[in-house]
């Protein structure tokens, strides 16, 4: 486990403390969870971009053409 000293604006830290208290977790656990969520979001974005770089539009067209032509189920319409 590592330690990290952060400089956090007072107003942001106070809000983080309040939210942590409302969630009934320590400020440490709240900040660790917030960092984990941000890292996951960035990693997901990088993964999607990498997959997109290898995609082929022709393959999508073929996949869509192979889809059955049936009416939407009730509740599926926009």
C-alpha atoms as a PDB file:
ATOM      1  CA  UNK A   1       0.000   0.000   0.000  1.00  0.00           C
ATOM      2  CA  UNK A   2       1.304   3.466  -0.856  1.00  0.00           C
ATOM      3  CA  UNK A   3       0.836   6.869   0.725  1.00  0.00           C
ATOM      4  CA  UNK A   4       0.301  10.050  -1.269  1.00  0.00           C
ATOM      5  CA  UNK A   5       0.107  13.612   0.021  1.00  0.00           C
ATOM      6  CA  UNK A   6      -2.410  15.678  -1.932  1.00  0.00           C
ATOM      7  CA  UNK A   7      -3.052  19.384  -2.018  1.00  0.00           C
ATOM      8  CA  UNK A   8      -6.819  19.700  -2.231  1.00  0.00           C
ATOM      9  CA  UNK A   9      -8.702  23.015  -2.210  1.00  0.00           C
ATOM     10  CA  UNK A  10     -10.489  23.499   1.103  1.00  0.00           C
ATOM     11  CA  UNK A  11     -13.924  23.720  -0.493  1.00  0.00           C
ATOM     12  CA  UNK A  12     -13.457  20.457  -2.414  1.00  0.00           C
ATOM     13  CA  UNK A  13     -12.096  18.648   0.637  1.00  0.00           C
ATOM     14  CA  UNK A  14     -15.020  19.793   2.763  1.00  0.00           C
ATOM     15  CA  UNK A  15     -17.478  18.570   0.159  1.00  0.00           C
ATOM     16  CA  UNK A  16     -15.628  15.239  -0.071  1.00  0.00           C
ATOM     17  CA  UNK A  17     -15.799  14.897   3.718  1.00  0.00           C
ATOM     18  CA  UNK A  18     -19.534  15.553   3.686  1.00  0.00           C
ATOM     19  CA  UNK A  19     -20.177  13.020   0.939  1.00  0.00           C
ATOM     20  CA  UNK A  20     -17.992  10.416   2.666  1.00  0.00           C
ATOM     21  CA  UNK A  21     -19.914  10.972   5.880  1.00  0.00           C
ATOM     22  CA  UNK A  22     -23.252  10.615   4.056  1.00  0.00           C
ATOM     23  CA  UNK A  23     -22.008   7.380   2.476  1.00  0.00           C
ATOM     24  CA  UNK A  24     -20.755   6.177   5.870  1.00  0.00           C
ATOM     25  CA  UNK A  25     -17.207   5.579   4.647  1.00  0.00           C
ATOM     26  CA  UNK A  26     -13.888   7.072   5.655  1.00  0.00           C
ATOM     27  CA  UNK A  27     -12.494   9.975   3.658  1.00  0.00           C
ATOM     28  CA  UNK A  28      -9.642   7.644   2.666  1.00  0.00           C
ATOM     29  CA  UNK A  29     -12.048   5.038   1.286  1.00  0.00           C
ATOM     30  CA  UNK A  30     -14.025   7.730  -0.521  1.00  0.00           C
ATOM     31  CA  UNK A  31     -10.912   9.152  -2.204  1.00  0.00           C
ATOM     32  CA  UNK A  32      -9.561   5.699  -3.126  1.00  0.00           C
ATOM     33  CA  UNK A  33     -12.929   4.824  -4.702  1.00  0.00           C
ATOM     34  CA  UNK A  34     -13.020   8.132  -6.597  1.00  0.00           C
ATOM     35  CA  UNK A  35      -9.527   7.503  -7.979  1.00  0.00           C
ATOM     36  CA  UNK A  36     -10.460   3.940  -8.963  1.00  0.00           C
ATOM     37  CA  UNK A  37     -13.571   5.159 -10.786  1.00  0.00           C
ATOM     38  CA  UNK A  38     -11.576   7.755 -12.730  1.00  0.00           C
ATOM     39  CA  UNK A  39      -8.863   5.249 -13.668  1.00  0.00           C
ATOM     40  CA  UNK A  40     -11.510   2.762 -14.838  1.00  0.00           C
ATOM     41  CA  UNK A  41     -13.206   5.421 -16.973  1.00  0.00           C
ATOM     42  CA  UNK A  42      -9.927   6.396 -18.644  1.00  0.00           C
ATOM     43  CA  UNK A  43      -8.901   2.776 -19.217  1.00  0.00           C
ATOM     44  CA  UNK A  44     -12.313   2.038 -20.749  1.00  0.00           C
ATOM     45  CA  UNK A  45     -12.008   5.030 -23.071  1.00  0.00           C
ATOM     46  CA  UNK A  46      -8.550   3.875 -24.189  1.00  0.00           C
ATOM     47  CA  UNK A  47      -9.852   0.320 -24.757  1.00  0.00           C
ATOM     48  CA  UNK A  48     -12.775   1.535 -26.875  1.00  0.00           C
ATOM     49  CA  UNK A  49     -10.500   3.770 -28.969  1.00  0.00           C
ATOM     50  CA  UNK A  50      -8.088   0.872 -29.512  1.00  0.00           C
ATOM     51  CA  UNK A  51     -10.925  -1.416 -30.599  1.00  0.00           C
ATOM     52  CA  UNK A  52     -12.301   1.311 -32.863  1.00  0.00           C
ATOM     53  CA  UNK A  53      -8.926   1.605 -34.615  1.00  0.00           C
ATOM     54  CA  UNK A  54      -9.153  -2.069 -35.609  1.00  0.00           C
ATOM     55  CA  UNK A  55     -12.799  -2.014 -36.683  1.00  0.00           C
ATOM     56  CA  UNK A  56     -14.018  -2.206 -40.251  1.00  0.00           C
ATOM     57  CA  UNK A  57     -17.155  -0.441 -41.431  1.00  0.00           C
ATOM     58  CA  UNK A  58     -17.743  -3.140 -44.036  1.00  0.00           C
ATOM     59  CA  UNK A  59     -17.958  -5.699 -41.245  1.00  0.00           C
ATOM     60  CA  UNK A  60     -20.611  -3.633 -39.492  1.00  0.00           C
ATOM     61  CA  UNK A  61     -22.647  -3.361 -42.683  1.00  0.00           C
ATOM     62  CA  UNK A  62     -22.473  -7.146 -43.158  1.00  0.00           C
ATOM     63  CA  UNK A  63     -23.498  -7.729 -39.550  1.00  0.00           C
ATOM     64  CA  UNK A  64     -26.460  -5.366 -39.885  1.00  0.00           C
ATOM     65  CA  UNK A  65     -27.500  -6.966 -43.191  1.00  0.00           C
ATOM     66  CA  UNK A  66     -27.567 -10.376 -41.502  1.00  0.00           C
ATOM     67  CA  UNK A  67     -29.896  -9.127 -38.765  1.00  0.00           C
ATOM     68  CA  UNK A  68     -33.496 -10.333 -39.084  1.00  0.00           C
ATOM     69  CA  UNK A  69     -36.014  -7.832 -40.413  1.00  0.00           C
ATOM     70  CA  UNK A  70     -38.694  -8.040 -37.718  1.00  0.00           C
ATOM     71  CA  UNK A  71     -40.879  -5.493 -36.026  1.00  0.00           C
ATOM     72  CA  UNK A  72     -39.803  -4.028 -32.682  1.00  0.00           C
ATOM     73  CA  UNK A  73     -41.179  -5.513 -29.510  1.00  0.00           C
ATOM     74  CA  UNK A  74     -43.670  -3.372 -27.602  1.00  0.00           C
ATOM     75  CA  UNK A  75     -41.765  -0.861 -25.518  1.00  0.00           C
ATOM     76  CA  UNK A  76     -38.629  -0.963 -27.716  1.00  0.00           C
ATOM     77  CA  UNK A  77     -39.642   1.955 -29.937  1.00  0.00           C
ATOM     78  CA  UNK A  78     -37.979   5.304 -29.415  1.00  0.00           C
END
